[in-house]
Amino acid sequence: PHEATQPPAPKTPAAKPRKHTDKEKIEKL
């Protein structure tokens, strides 16, 4: 009932998960 009185929050697009290769992972580590 409390949420019904509040305006809905604006939806933001979720960040796309980036796929890292094993080589990139090792380099970043």
mmCIF file of all heavy atoms, coordinates in Angstrom:
data_MODEL
# 
_entry.id   MODEL 
# 
loop_
_atom_site.group_PDB 
_atom_site.id 
_atom_site.type_symbol 
_atom_site.label_atom_id 
_atom_site.label_alt_id 
_atom_site.label_comp_id 
_atom_site.label_asym_id 
_atom_site.label_entity_id 
_atom_site.label_seq_id 
_atom_site.pdbx_PDB_ins_code 
_atom_site.Cartn_x 
_atom_site.Cartn_y 
_atom_site.Cartn_z 
_atom_site.occupancy 
_atom_site.B_iso_or_equiv 
_atom_site.pdbx_formal_charge 
_atom_site.auth_seq_id 
_atom_site.auth_comp_id 
_atom_site.auth_asym_id 
_atom_site.auth_atom_id 
_atom_site.pdbx_PDB_model_num 
ATOM 1   N N   . PRO A 1 1  ? 0.806  -1.214  0.000   1.00 0.00 ? 1  PRO A N   1 
ATOM 2   C CA  . PRO A 1 1  ? 0.000  0.000   0.000   1.00 0.00 ? 1  PRO A CA  1 
ATOM 3   C C   . PRO A 1 1  ? 0.845  1.273   0.000   1.00 0.00 ? 1  PRO A C   1 
ATOM 4   O O   . PRO A 1 1  ? 0.458  2.291   -0.542  1.00 0.00 ? 1  PRO A O   1 
ATOM 5   C CB  . PRO A 1 1  ? -0.815 -0.101  1.283   1.00 0.00 ? 1  PRO A CB  1 
ATOM 6   C CG  . PRO A 1 1  ? -0.789 -1.525  1.654   1.00 0.00 ? 1  PRO A CG  1 
ATOM 7   C CD  . PRO A 1 1  ? 0.448  -2.104  1.077   1.00 0.00 ? 1  PRO A CD  1 
ATOM 8   N N   . HIS A 1 2  ? 2.038  1.229   0.599   1.00 0.00 ? 2  HIS A N   1 
ATOM 9   C CA  . HIS A 1 2  ? 2.904  2.408   0.653   1.00 0.00 ? 2  HIS A CA  1 
ATOM 10  C C   . HIS A 1 2  ? 3.499  2.709   -0.713  1.00 0.00 ? 2  HIS A C   1 
ATOM 11  O O   . HIS A 1 2  ? 3.696  3.857   -1.075  1.00 0.00 ? 2  HIS A O   1 
ATOM 12  C CB  . HIS A 1 2  ? 4.026  2.194   1.667   1.00 0.00 ? 2  HIS A CB  1 
ATOM 13  C CG  . HIS A 1 2  ? 3.498  1.954   3.058   1.00 0.00 ? 2  HIS A CG  1 
ATOM 14  N ND1 . HIS A 1 2  ? 2.902  2.929   3.794   1.00 0.00 ? 2  HIS A ND1 1 
ATOM 15  C CD2 . HIS A 1 2  ? 3.472  0.832   3.816   1.00 0.00 ? 2  HIS A CD2 1 
ATOM 16  C CE1 . HIS A 1 2  ? 2.525  2.418   4.971   1.00 0.00 ? 2  HIS A CE1 1 
ATOM 17  N NE2 . HIS A 1 2  ? 2.874  1.146   4.991   1.00 0.00 ? 2  HIS A NE2 1 
ATOM 18  N N   . GLU A 1 3  ? 3.813  1.644   -1.466  1.00 0.00 ? 3  GLU A N   1 
ATOM 19  C CA  . GLU A 1 3  ? 4.422  1.838   -2.772  1.00 0.00 ? 3  GLU A CA  1 
ATOM 20  C C   . GLU A 1 3  ? 3.417  2.387   -3.767  1.00 0.00 ? 3  GLU A C   1 
ATOM 21  O O   . GLU A 1 3  ? 3.777  3.056   -4.714  1.00 0.00 ? 3  GLU A O   1 
ATOM 22  C CB  . GLU A 1 3  ? 4.984  0.516   -3.296  1.00 0.00 ? 3  GLU A CB  1 
ATOM 23  C CG  . GLU A 1 3  ? 6.177  0.028   -2.521  1.00 0.00 ? 3  GLU A CG  1 
ATOM 24  C CD  . GLU A 1 3  ? 6.638  -1.340  -2.988  1.00 0.00 ? 3  GLU A CD  1 
ATOM 25  O OE1 . GLU A 1 3  ? 5.948  -1.951  -3.823  1.00 0.00 ? 3  GLU A OE1 1 
ATOM 26  O OE2 . GLU A 1 3  ? 7.670  -1.792  -2.508  1.00 0.00 ? 3  GLU A OE2 1 
ATOM 27  N N   . ALA A 1 4  ? 2.133  2.065   -3.552  1.00 0.00 ? 4  ALA A N   1 
ATOM 28  C CA  . ALA A 1 4  ? 1.112  2.500   -4.500  1.00 0.00 ? 4  ALA A CA  1 
ATOM 29  C C   . ALA A 1 4  ? 0.965  4.016   -4.493  1.00 0.00 ? 4  ALA A C   1 
ATOM 30  O O   . ALA A 1 4  ? 0.614  4.610   -5.500  1.00 0.00 ? 4  ALA A O   1 
ATOM 31  C CB  . ALA A 1 4  ? -0.215 1.837   -4.177  1.00 0.00 ? 4  ALA A CB  1 
ATOM 32  N N   . THR A 1 5  ? 1.242  4.681   -3.369  1.00 0.00 ? 5  THR A N   1 
ATOM 33  C CA  . THR A 1 5  ? 1.088  6.137   -3.279  1.00 0.00 ? 5  THR A CA  1 
ATOM 34  C C   . THR A 1 5  ? 2.282  6.872   -3.853  1.00 0.00 ? 5  THR A C   1 
ATOM 35  O O   . THR A 1 5  ? 2.179  8.024   -4.222  1.00 0.00 ? 5  THR A O   1 
ATOM 36  C CB  . THR A 1 5  ? 0.885  6.569   -1.817  1.00 0.00 ? 5  THR A CB  1 
ATOM 37  O OG1 . THR A 1 5  ? 2.008  6.142   -1.063  1.00 0.00 ? 5  THR A OG1 1 
ATOM 38  C CG2 . THR A 1 5  ? -0.389 5.974   -1.258  1.00 0.00 ? 5  THR A CG2 1 
ATOM 39  N N   . GLN A 1 6  ? 3.450  6.216   -3.930  1.00 0.00 ? 6  GLN A N   1 
ATOM 40  C CA  . GLN A 1 6  ? 4.649  6.868   -4.431  1.00 0.00 ? 6  GLN A CA  1 
ATOM 41  C C   . GLN A 1 6  ? 4.718  6.705   -5.946  1.00 0.00 ? 6  GLN A C   1 
ATOM 42  O O   . GLN A 1 6  ? 4.332  5.672   -6.487  1.00 0.00 ? 6  GLN A O   1 
ATOM 43  C CB  . GLN A 1 6  ? 5.890  6.249   -3.807  1.00 0.00 ? 6  GLN A CB  1 
ATOM 44  C CG  . GLN A 1 6  ? 5.964  6.453   -2.317  1.00 0.00 ? 6  GLN A CG  1 
ATOM 45  C CD  . GLN A 1 6  ? 7.181  5.748   -1.732  1.00 0.00 ? 6  GLN A CD  1 
ATOM 46  O OE1 . GLN A 1 6  ? 7.860  5.026   -2.425  1.00 0.00 ? 6  GLN A OE1 1 
ATOM 47  N NE2 . GLN A 1 6  ? 7.419  5.966   -0.460  1.00 0.00 ? 6  GLN A NE2 1 
ATOM 48  N N   . PRO A 1 7  ? 5.249  7.696   -6.632  1.00 0.00 ? 7  PRO A N   1 
ATOM 49  C CA  . PRO A 1 7  ? 5.393  7.543   -8.086  1.00 0.00 ? 7  PRO A CA  1 
ATOM 50  C C   . PRO A 1 7  ? 6.480  6.523   -8.384  1.00 0.00 ? 7  PRO A C   1 
ATOM 51  O O   . PRO A 1 7  ? 7.447  6.389   -7.629  1.00 0.00 ? 7  PRO A O   1 
ATOM 52  C CB  . PRO A 1 7  ? 5.799  8.942   -8.550  1.00 0.00 ? 7  PRO A CB  1 
ATOM 53  C CG  . PRO A 1 7  ? 6.394  9.593   -7.359  1.00 0.00 ? 7  PRO A CG  1 
ATOM 54  C CD  . PRO A 1 7  ? 5.698  8.992   -6.168  1.00 0.00 ? 7  PRO A CD  1 
ATOM 55  N N   . PRO A 1 8  ? 6.342  5.784   -9.453  1.00 0.00 ? 8  PRO A N   1 
ATOM 56  C CA  . PRO A 1 8  ? 7.353  4.776   -9.766  1.00 0.00 ? 8  PRO A CA  1 
ATOM 57  C C   . PRO A 1 8  ? 8.682  5.442   -10.126 1.00 0.00 ? 8  PRO A C   1 
ATOM 58  O O   . PRO A 1 8  ? 8.717  6.525   -10.711 1.00 0.00 ? 8  PRO A O   1 
ATOM 59  C CB  . PRO A 1 8  ? 6.770  4.037   -10.973 1.00 0.00 ? 8  PRO A CB  1 
ATOM 60  C CG  . PRO A 1 8  ? 5.760  4.970   -11.560 1.00 0.00 ? 8  PRO A CG  1 
ATOM 61  C CD  . PRO A 1 8  ? 5.264  5.818   -10.422 1.00 0.00 ? 8  PRO A CD  1 
ATOM 62  N N   . ALA A 1 9  ? 9.768  4.773   -9.745  1.00 0.00 ? 9  ALA A N   1 
ATOM 63  C CA  . ALA A 1 9  ? 11.106 5.300   -10.013 1.00 0.00 ? 9  ALA A CA  1 
ATOM 64  C C   . ALA A 1 9  ? 11.394 5.178   -11.502 1.00 0.00 ? 9  ALA A C   1 
ATOM 65  O O   . ALA A 1 9  ? 10.985 4.205   -12.136 1.00 0.00 ? 9  ALA A O   1 
ATOM 66  C CB  . ALA A 1 9  ? 12.141 4.516   -9.221  1.00 0.00 ? 9  ALA A CB  1 
ATOM 67  N N   . PRO A 1 10 ? 12.090 6.157   -12.065 1.00 0.00 ? 10 PRO A N   1 
ATOM 68  C CA  . PRO A 1 10 ? 12.400 6.060   -13.487 1.00 0.00 ? 10 PRO A CA  1 
ATOM 69  C C   . PRO A 1 10 ? 13.346 4.893   -13.732 1.00 0.00 ? 10 PRO A C   1 
ATOM 70  O O   . PRO A 1 10 ? 14.286 4.667   -12.970 1.00 0.00 ? 10 PRO A O   1 
ATOM 71  C CB  . PRO A 1 10 ? 13.072 7.395   -13.809 1.00 0.00 ? 10 PRO A CB  1 
ATOM 72  C CG  . PRO A 1 10 ? 13.559 7.909   -12.504 1.00 0.00 ? 10 PRO A CG  1 
ATOM 73  C CD  . PRO A 1 10 ? 12.628 7.355   -11.467 1.00 0.00 ? 10 PRO A CD  1 
ATOM 74  N N   . LYS A 1 11 ? 13.089 4.145   -14.781 1.00 0.00 ? 11 LYS A N   1 
ATOM 75  C CA  . LYS A 1 11 ? 13.910 2.977   -15.079 1.00 0.00 ? 11 LYS A CA  1 
ATOM 76  C C   . LYS A 1 11 ? 15.148 3.407   -15.839 1.00 0.00 ? 11 LYS A C   1 
ATOM 77  O O   . LYS A 1 11 ? 15.068 4.150   -16.812 1.00 0.00 ? 11 LYS A O   1 
ATOM 78  C CB  . LYS A 1 11 ? 13.122 1.965   -15.904 1.00 0.00 ? 11 LYS A CB  1 
ATOM 79  C CG  . LYS A 1 11 ? 11.998 1.336   -15.145 1.00 0.00 ? 11 LYS A CG  1 
ATOM 80  C CD  . LYS A 1 11 ? 11.338 0.261   -15.965 1.00 0.00 ? 11 LYS A CD  1 
ATOM 81  C CE  . LYS A 1 11 ? 10.229 -0.392  -15.169 1.00 0.00 ? 11 LYS A CE  1 
ATOM 82  N NZ  . LYS A 1 11 ? 9.579  -1.456  -15.930 1.00 0.00 ? 11 LYS A NZ  1 
ATOM 83  N N   . THR A 1 12 ? 16.302 2.942   -15.351 1.00 0.00 ? 12 THR A N   1 
ATOM 84  C CA  . THR A 1 12 ? 17.546 3.228   -16.044 1.00 0.00 ? 12 THR A CA  1 
ATOM 85  C C   . THR A 1 12 ? 17.997 1.935   -16.693 1.00 0.00 ? 12 THR A C   1 
ATOM 86  O O   . THR A 1 12 ? 17.851 0.851   -16.108 1.00 0.00 ? 12 THR A O   1 
ATOM 87  C CB  . THR A 1 12 ? 18.631 3.718   -15.061 1.00 0.00 ? 12 THR A CB  1 
ATOM 88  O OG1 . THR A 1 12 ? 18.799 2.737   -14.046 1.00 0.00 ? 12 THR A OG1 1 
ATOM 89  C CG2 . THR A 1 12 ? 18.247 5.035   -14.447 1.00 0.00 ? 12 THR A CG2 1 
ATOM 90  N N   . PRO A 1 13 ? 18.539 2.008   -17.858 1.00 0.00 ? 13 PRO A N   1 
ATOM 91  C CA  . PRO A 1 13 ? 18.981 0.764   -18.498 1.00 0.00 ? 13 PRO A CA  1 
ATOM 92  C C   . PRO A 1 13 ? 20.149 0.178   -17.724 1.00 0.00 ? 13 PRO A C   1 
ATOM 93  O O   . PRO A 1 13 ? 21.064 0.889   -17.314 1.00 0.00 ? 13 PRO A O   1 
ATOM 94  C CB  . PRO A 1 13 ? 19.403 1.197   -19.907 1.00 0.00 ? 13 PRO A CB  1 
ATOM 95  C CG  . PRO A 1 13 ? 19.653 2.669   -19.804 1.00 0.00 ? 13 PRO A CG  1 
ATOM 96  C CD  . PRO A 1 13 ? 18.773 3.172   -18.686 1.00 0.00 ? 13 PRO A CD  1 
ATOM 97  N N   . ALA A 1 14 ? 20.090 -1.129  -17.492 1.00 0.00 ? 14 ALA A N   1 
ATOM 98  C CA  . ALA A 1 14 ? 21.154 -1.814  -16.753 1.00 0.00 ? 14 ALA A CA  1 
ATOM 99  C C   . ALA A 1 14 ? 22.391 -1.891  -17.631 1.00 0.00 ? 14 ALA A C   1 
ATOM 100 O O   . ALA A 1 14 ? 22.307 -1.973  -18.848 1.00 0.00 ? 14 ALA A O   1 
ATOM 101 C CB  . ALA A 1 14 ? 20.698 -3.210  -16.358 1.00 0.00 ? 14 ALA A CB  1 
ATOM 102 N N   . ALA A 1 15 ? 23.547 -1.856  -16.980 1.00 0.00 ? 15 ALA A N   1 
ATOM 103 C CA  . ALA A 1 15 ? 24.795 -1.940  -17.718 1.00 0.00 ? 15 ALA A CA  1 
ATOM 104 C C   . ALA A 1 15 ? 24.914 -3.327  -18.336 1.00 0.00 ? 15 ALA A C   1 
ATOM 105 O O   . ALA A 1 15 ? 24.587 -4.326  -17.704 1.00 0.00 ? 15 ALA A O   1 
ATOM 106 C CB  . ALA A 1 15 ? 25.968 -1.688  -16.785 1.00 0.00 ? 15 ALA A CB  1 
ATOM 107 N N   . LYS A 1 16 ? 25.383 -3.363  -19.574 1.00 0.00 ? 16 LYS A N   1 
ATOM 108 C CA  . LYS A 1 16 ? 25.544 -4.636  -20.251 1.00 0.00 ? 16 LYS A CA  1 
ATOM 109 C C   . LYS A 1 16 ? 26.739 -5.355  -19.663 1.00 0.00 ? 16 LYS A C   1 
ATOM 110 O O   . LYS A 1 16 ? 27.812 -4.760  -19.504 1.00 0.00 ? 16 LYS A O   1 
ATOM 111 C CB  . LYS A 1 16 ? 25.808 -4.407  -21.738 1.00 0.00 ? 16 LYS A CB  1 
ATOM 112 C CG  . LYS A 1 16 ? 24.630 -4.560  -22.617 1.00 0.00 ? 16 LYS A CG  1 
ATOM 113 C CD  . LYS A 1 16 ? 25.080 -4.512  -24.061 1.00 0.00 ? 16 LYS A CD  1 
ATOM 114 C CE  . LYS A 1 16 ? 23.977 -4.930  -24.972 1.00 0.00 ? 16 LYS A CE  1 
ATOM 115 N NZ  . LYS A 1 16 ? 24.384 -4.833  -26.369 1.00 0.00 ? 16 LYS A NZ  1 
ATOM 116 N N   . PRO A 1 17 ? 26.592 -6.617  -19.313 1.00 0.00 ? 17 PRO A N   1 
ATOM 117 C CA  . PRO A 1 17 ? 27.757 -7.339  -18.807 1.00 0.00 ? 17 PRO A CA  1 
ATOM 118 C C   . PRO A 1 17 ? 28.754 -7.556  -19.950 1.00 0.00 ? 17 PRO A C   1 
ATOM 119 O O   . PRO A 1 17 ? 28.380 -7.973  -21.034 1.00 0.00 ? 17 PRO A O   1 
ATOM 120 C CB  . PRO A 1 17 ? 27.184 -8.659  -18.306 1.00 0.00 ? 17 PRO A CB  1 
ATOM 121 C CG  . PRO A 1 17 ? 25.876 -8.806  -18.991 1.00 0.00 ? 17 PRO A CG  1 
ATOM 122 C CD  . PRO A 1 17 ? 25.395 -7.435  -19.303 1.00 0.00 ? 17 PRO A CD  1 
ATOM 123 N N   . ARG A 1 18 ? 29.999 -7.229  -19.682 1.00 0.00 ? 18 ARG A N   1 
ATOM 124 C CA  . ARG A 1 18 ? 31.031 -7.369  -20.697 1.00 0.00 ? 18 ARG A CA  1 
ATOM 125 C C   . ARG A 1 18 ? 31.745 -8.687  -20.495 1.00 0.00 ? 18 ARG A C   1 
ATOM 126 O O   . ARG A 1 18 ? 32.133 -9.030  -19.374 1.00 0.00 ? 18 ARG A O   1 
ATOM 127 C CB  . ARG A 1 18 ? 32.022 -6.223  -20.588 1.00 0.00 ? 18 ARG A CB  1 
ATOM 128 C CG  . ARG A 1 18 ? 33.114 -6.334  -21.619 1.00 0.00 ? 18 ARG A CG  1 
ATOM 129 C CD  . ARG A 1 18 ? 33.861 -5.049  -21.788 1.00 0.00 ? 18 ARG A CD  1 
ATOM 130 N NE  . ARG A 1 18 ? 34.846 -5.296  -22.822 1.00 0.00 ? 18 ARG A NE  1 
ATOM 131 C CZ  . ARG A 1 18 ? 36.114 -4.992  -22.701 1.00 0.00 ? 18 ARG A CZ  1 
ATOM 132 N NH1 . ARG A 1 18 ? 36.544 -4.425  -21.615 1.00 0.00 ? 18 ARG A NH1 1 
ATOM 133 N NH2 . ARG A 1 18 ? 36.956 -5.256  -23.672 1.00 0.00 ? 18 ARG A NH2 1 
ATOM 134 N N   . LYS A 1 19 ? 31.931 -9.402  -21.539 1.00 0.00 ? 19 LYS A N   1 
ATOM 135 C CA  . LYS A 1 19 ? 32.647 -10.670 -21.475 1.00 0.00 ? 19 LYS A CA  1 
ATOM 136 C C   . LYS A 1 19 ? 34.124 -10.412 -21.717 1.00 0.00 ? 19 LYS A C   1 
ATOM 137 O O   . LYS A 1 19 ? 34.513 -9.892  -22.760 1.00 0.00 ? 19 LYS A O   1 
ATOM 138 C CB  . LYS A 1 19 ? 32.114 -11.647 -22.527 1.00 0.00 ? 19 LYS A CB  1 
ATOM 139 C CG  . LYS A 1 19 ? 30.652 -11.975 -22.375 1.00 0.00 ? 19 LYS A CG  1 
ATOM 140 C CD  . LYS A 1 19 ? 30.427 -12.838 -21.168 1.00 0.00 ? 19 LYS A CD  1 
ATOM 141 C CE  . LYS A 1 19 ? 28.963 -13.203 -21.061 1.00 0.00 ? 19 LYS A CE  1 
ATOM 142 N NZ  . LYS A 1 19 ? 28.656 -13.996 -19.927 1.00 0.00 ? 19 LYS A NZ  1 
ATOM 143 N N   . HIS A 1 20 ? 34.945 -10.756 -20.752 1.00 0.00 ? 20 HIS A N   1 
ATOM 144 C CA  . HIS A 1 20 ? 36.383 -10.604 -20.871 1.00 0.00 ? 20 HIS A CA  1 
ATOM 145 C C   . HIS A 1 20 ? 36.977 -11.956 -21.245 1.00 0.00 ? 20 HIS A C   1 
ATOM 146 O O   . HIS A 1 20 ? 36.561 -12.994 -20.726 1.00 0.00 ? 20 HIS A O   1 
ATOM 147 C CB  . HIS A 1 20 ? 37.003 -10.135 -19.547 1.00 0.00 ? 20 HIS A CB  1 
ATOM 148 C CG  . HIS A 1 20 ? 36.565 -8.768  -19.137 1.00 0.00 ? 20 HIS A CG  1 
ATOM 149 N ND1 . HIS A 1 20 ? 37.164 -7.631  -19.608 1.00 0.00 ? 20 HIS A ND1 1 
ATOM 150 C CD2 . HIS A 1 20 ? 35.587 -8.352  -18.305 1.00 0.00 ? 20 HIS A CD2 1 
ATOM 151 C CE1 . HIS A 1 20 ? 36.582 -6.567  -19.072 1.00 0.00 ? 20 HIS A CE1 1 
ATOM 152 N NE2 . HIS A 1 20 ? 35.609 -6.983  -18.281 1.00 0.00 ? 20 HIS A NE2 1 
ATOM 153 N N   . THR A 1 21 ? 37.975 -11.938 -22.079 1.00 0.00 ? 21 THR A N   1 
ATOM 154 C CA  . THR A 1 21 ? 38.669 -13.175 -22.416 1.00 0.00 ? 21 THR A CA  1 
ATOM 155 C C   . THR A 1 21 ? 39.607 -13.536 -21.266 1.00 0.00 ? 21 THR A C   1 
ATOM 156 O O   . THR A 1 21 ? 39.919 -12.699 -20.400 1.00 0.00 ? 21 THR A O   1 
ATOM 157 C CB  . THR A 1 21 ? 39.479 -13.021 -23.714 1.00 0.00 ? 21 THR A CB  1 
ATOM 158 O OG1 . THR A 1 21 ? 40.496 -12.030 -23.507 1.00 0.00 ? 21 THR A OG1 1 
ATOM 159 C CG2 . THR A 1 21 ? 38.586 -12.630 -24.881 1.00 0.00 ? 21 THR A CG2 1 
ATOM 160 N N   . ASP A 1 22 ? 40.064 -14.770 -21.267 1.00 0.00 ? 22 ASP A N   1 
ATOM 161 C CA  . ASP A 1 22 ? 40.978 -15.200 -20.208 1.00 0.00 ? 22 ASP A CA  1 
ATOM 162 C C   . ASP A 1 22 ? 42.273 -14.379 -20.231 1.00 0.00 ? 22 ASP A C   1 
ATOM 163 O O   . ASP A 1 22 ? 42.830 -14.058 -19.180 1.00 0.00 ? 22 ASP A O   1 
ATOM 164 C CB  . ASP A 1 22 ? 41.309 -16.687 -20.371 1.00 0.00 ? 22 ASP A CB  1 
ATOM 165 C CG  . ASP A 1 22 ? 40.111 -17.578 -20.066 1.00 0.00 ? 22 ASP A CG  1 
ATOM 166 O OD1 . ASP A 1 22 ? 39.200 -17.101 -19.346 1.00 0.00 ? 22 ASP A OD1 1 
ATOM 167 O OD2 . ASP A 1 22 ? 40.096 -18.733 -20.539 1.00 0.00 ? 22 ASP A OD2 1 
ATOM 168 N N   . LYS A 1 23 ? 42.706 -14.043 -21.423 1.00 0.00 ? 23 LYS A N   1 
ATOM 169 C CA  . LYS A 1 23 ? 43.935 -13.256 -21.542 1.00 0.00 ? 23 LYS A CA  1 
ATOM 170 C C   . LYS A 1 23 ? 43.744 -11.867 -20.930 1.00 0.00 ? 23 LYS A C   1 
ATOM 171 O O   . LYS A 1 23 ? 44.615 -11.374 -20.198 1.00 0.00 ? 23 LYS A O   1 
ATOM 172 C CB  . LYS A 1 23 ? 44.310 -13.137 -23.025 1.00 0.00 ? 23 LYS A CB  1 
ATOM 173 C CG  . LYS A 1 23 ? 45.661 -12.529 -23.269 1.00 0.00 ? 23 LYS A CG  1 
ATOM 174 C CD  . LYS A 1 23 ? 46.003 -12.567 -24.750 1.00 0.00 ? 23 LYS A CD  1 
ATOM 175 C CE  . LYS A 1 23 ? 47.375 -11.960 -24.983 1.00 0.00 ? 23 LYS A CE  1 
ATOM 176 N NZ  . LYS A 1 23 ? 47.741 -11.972 -26.415 1.00 0.00 ? 23 LYS A NZ  1 
ATOM 177 N N   . GLU A 1 24 ? 42.597 -11.233 -21.219 1.00 0.00 ? 24 GLU A N   1 
ATOM 178 C CA  . GLU A 1 24 ? 42.314 -9.917  -20.643 1.00 0.00 ? 24 GLU A CA  1 
ATOM 179 C C   . GLU A 1 24 ? 42.243 -9.989  -19.119 1.00 0.00 ? 24 GLU A C   1 
ATOM 180 O O   . GLU A 1 24 ? 42.726 -9.102  -18.420 1.00 0.00 ? 24 GLU A O   1 
ATOM 181 C CB  . GLU A 1 24 ? 40.990 -9.371  -21.188 1.00 0.00 ? 24 GLU A CB  1 
ATOM 182 C CG  . GLU A 1 24 ? 41.037 -8.938  -22.631 1.00 0.00 ? 24 GLU A CG  1 
ATOM 183 C CD  . GLU A 1 24 ? 39.672 -8.509  -23.144 1.00 0.00 ? 24 GLU A CD  1 
ATOM 184 O OE1 . GLU A 1 24 ? 38.646 -8.955  -22.583 1.00 0.00 ? 24 GLU A OE1 1 
ATOM 185 O OE2 . GLU A 1 24 ? 39.632 -7.721  -24.096 1.00 0.00 ? 24 GLU A OE2 1 
ATOM 186 N N   . LYS A 1 25 ? 41.613 -11.043 -18.619 1.00 0.00 ? 25 LYS A N   1 
ATOM 187 C CA  . LYS A 1 25 ? 41.495 -11.203 -17.165 1.00 0.00 ? 25 LYS A CA  1 
ATOM 188 C C   . LYS A 1 25 ? 42.868 -11.293 -16.519 1.00 0.00 ? 25 LYS A C   1 
ATOM 189 O O   . LYS A 1 25 ? 43.150 -10.618 -15.519 1.00 0.00 ? 25 LYS A O   1 
ATOM 190 C CB  . LYS A 1 25 ? 40.684 -12.459 -16.833 1.00 0.00 ? 25 LYS A CB  1 
ATOM 191 C CG  . LYS A 1 25 ? 39.221 -12.361 -17.174 1.00 0.00 ? 25 LYS A CG  1 
ATOM 192 C CD  . LYS A 1 25 ? 38.517 -13.662 -16.868 1.00 0.00 ? 25 LYS A CD  1 
ATOM 193 C CE  . LYS A 1 25 ? 37.066 -13.631 -17.302 1.00 0.00 ? 25 LYS A CE  1 
ATOM 194 N NZ  . LYS A 1 25 ? 36.381 -14.898 -17.011 1.00 0.00 ? 25 LYS A NZ  1 
ATOM 195 N N   . ILE A 1 26 ? 43.729 -12.116 -17.095 1.00 0.00 ? 26 ILE A N   1 
ATOM 196 C CA  . ILE A 1 26 ? 45.077 -12.292 -16.528 1.00 0.00 ? 26 ILE A CA  1 
ATOM 197 C C   . ILE A 1 26 ? 45.856 -10.987 -16.598 1.00 0.00 ? 26 ILE A C   1 
ATOM 198 O O   . ILE A 1 26 ? 46.555 -10.618 -15.646 1.00 0.00 ? 26 ILE A O   1 
ATOM 199 C CB  . ILE A 1 26 ? 45.812 -13.434 -17.264 1.00 0.00 ? 26 ILE A CB  1 
ATOM 200 C CG1 . ILE A 1 26 ? 45.122 -14.773 -16.942 1.00 0.00 ? 26 ILE A CG1 1 
ATOM 201 C CG2 . ILE A 1 26 ? 47.277 -13.482 -16.881 1.00 0.00 ? 26 ILE A CG2 1 
ATOM 202 C CD1 . ILE A 1 26 ? 45.601 -15.933 -17.777 1.00 0.00 ? 26 ILE A CD1 1 
ATOM 203 N N   . GLU A 1 27 ? 45.732 -10.271 -17.722 1.00 0.00 ? 27 GLU A N   1 
ATOM 204 C CA  . GLU A 1 27 ? 46.434 -8.998  -17.857 1.00 0.00 ? 27 GLU A CA  1 
ATOM 205 C C   . GLU A 1 27 ? 45.954 -7.989  -16.819 1.00 0.00 ? 27 GLU A C   1 
ATOM 206 O O   . GLU A 1 27 ? 46.761 -7.286  -16.201 1.00 0.00 ? 27 GLU A O   1 
ATOM 207 C CB  . GLU A 1 27 ? 46.229 -8.430  -19.266 1.00 0.00 ? 27 GLU A CB  1 
ATOM 208 C CG  . GLU A 1 27 ? 46.990 -9.175  -20.338 1.00 0.00 ? 27 GLU A CG  1 
ATOM 209 C CD  . GLU A 1 27 ? 46.674 -8.679  -21.741 1.00 0.00 ? 27 GLU A CD  1 
ATOM 210 O OE1 . GLU A 1 27 ? 45.900 -7.714  -21.874 1.00 0.00 ? 27 GLU A OE1 1 
ATOM 211 O OE2 . GLU A 1 27 ? 47.208 -9.264  -22.690 1.00 0.00 ? 27 GLU A OE2 1 
ATOM 212 N N   . LYS A 1 28 ? 44.644 -7.928  -16.604 1.00 0.00 ? 28 LYS A N   1 
ATOM 213 C CA  . LYS A 1 28 ? 44.115 -6.987  -15.611 1.00 0.00 ? 28 LYS A CA  1 
ATOM 214 C C   . LYS A 1 28 ? 44.545 -7.376  -14.198 1.00 0.00 ? 28 LYS A C   1 
ATOM 215 O O   . LYS A 1 28 ? 44.867 -6.515  -13.380 1.00 0.00 ? 28 LYS A O   1 
ATOM 216 C CB  . LYS A 1 28 ? 42.588 -6.902  -15.705 1.00 0.00 ? 28 LYS A CB  1 
ATOM 217 C CG  . LYS A 1 28 ? 42.133 -6.098  -16.899 1.00 0.00 ? 28 LYS A CG  1 
ATOM 218 C CD  . LYS A 1 28 ? 40.678 -5.744  -16.826 1.00 0.00 ? 28 LYS A CD  1 
ATOM 219 C CE  . LYS A 1 28 ? 40.297 -4.881  -18.007 1.00 0.00 ? 28 LYS A CE  1 
ATOM 220 N NZ  . LYS A 1 28 ? 39.012 -4.237  -17.878 1.00 0.00 ? 28 LYS A NZ  1 
ATOM 221 N N   . LEU A 1 29 ? 44.552 -8.673  -13.907 1.00 0.00 ? 29 LEU A N   1 
ATOM 222 C CA  . LEU A 1 29 ? 44.996 -9.127  -12.578 1.00 0.00 ? 29 LEU A CA  1 
ATOM 223 C C   . LEU A 1 29 ? 46.451 -8.742  -12.342 1.00 0.00 ? 29 LEU A C   1 
ATOM 224 O O   . LEU A 1 29 ? 46.814 -8.261  -11.258 1.00 0.00 ? 29 LEU A O   1 
ATOM 225 C CB  . LEU A 1 29 ? 44.806 -10.634 -12.434 1.00 0.00 ? 29 LEU A CB  1 
ATOM 226 C CG  . LEU A 1 29 ? 43.381 -11.139 -12.285 1.00 0.00 ? 29 LEU A CG  1 
ATOM 227 C CD1 . LEU A 1 29 ? 43.339 -12.667 -12.320 1.00 0.00 ? 29 LEU A CD1 1 
ATOM 228 C CD2 . LEU A 1 29 ? 42.759 -10.638 -10.998 1.00 0.00 ? 29 LEU A CD2 1 
# 
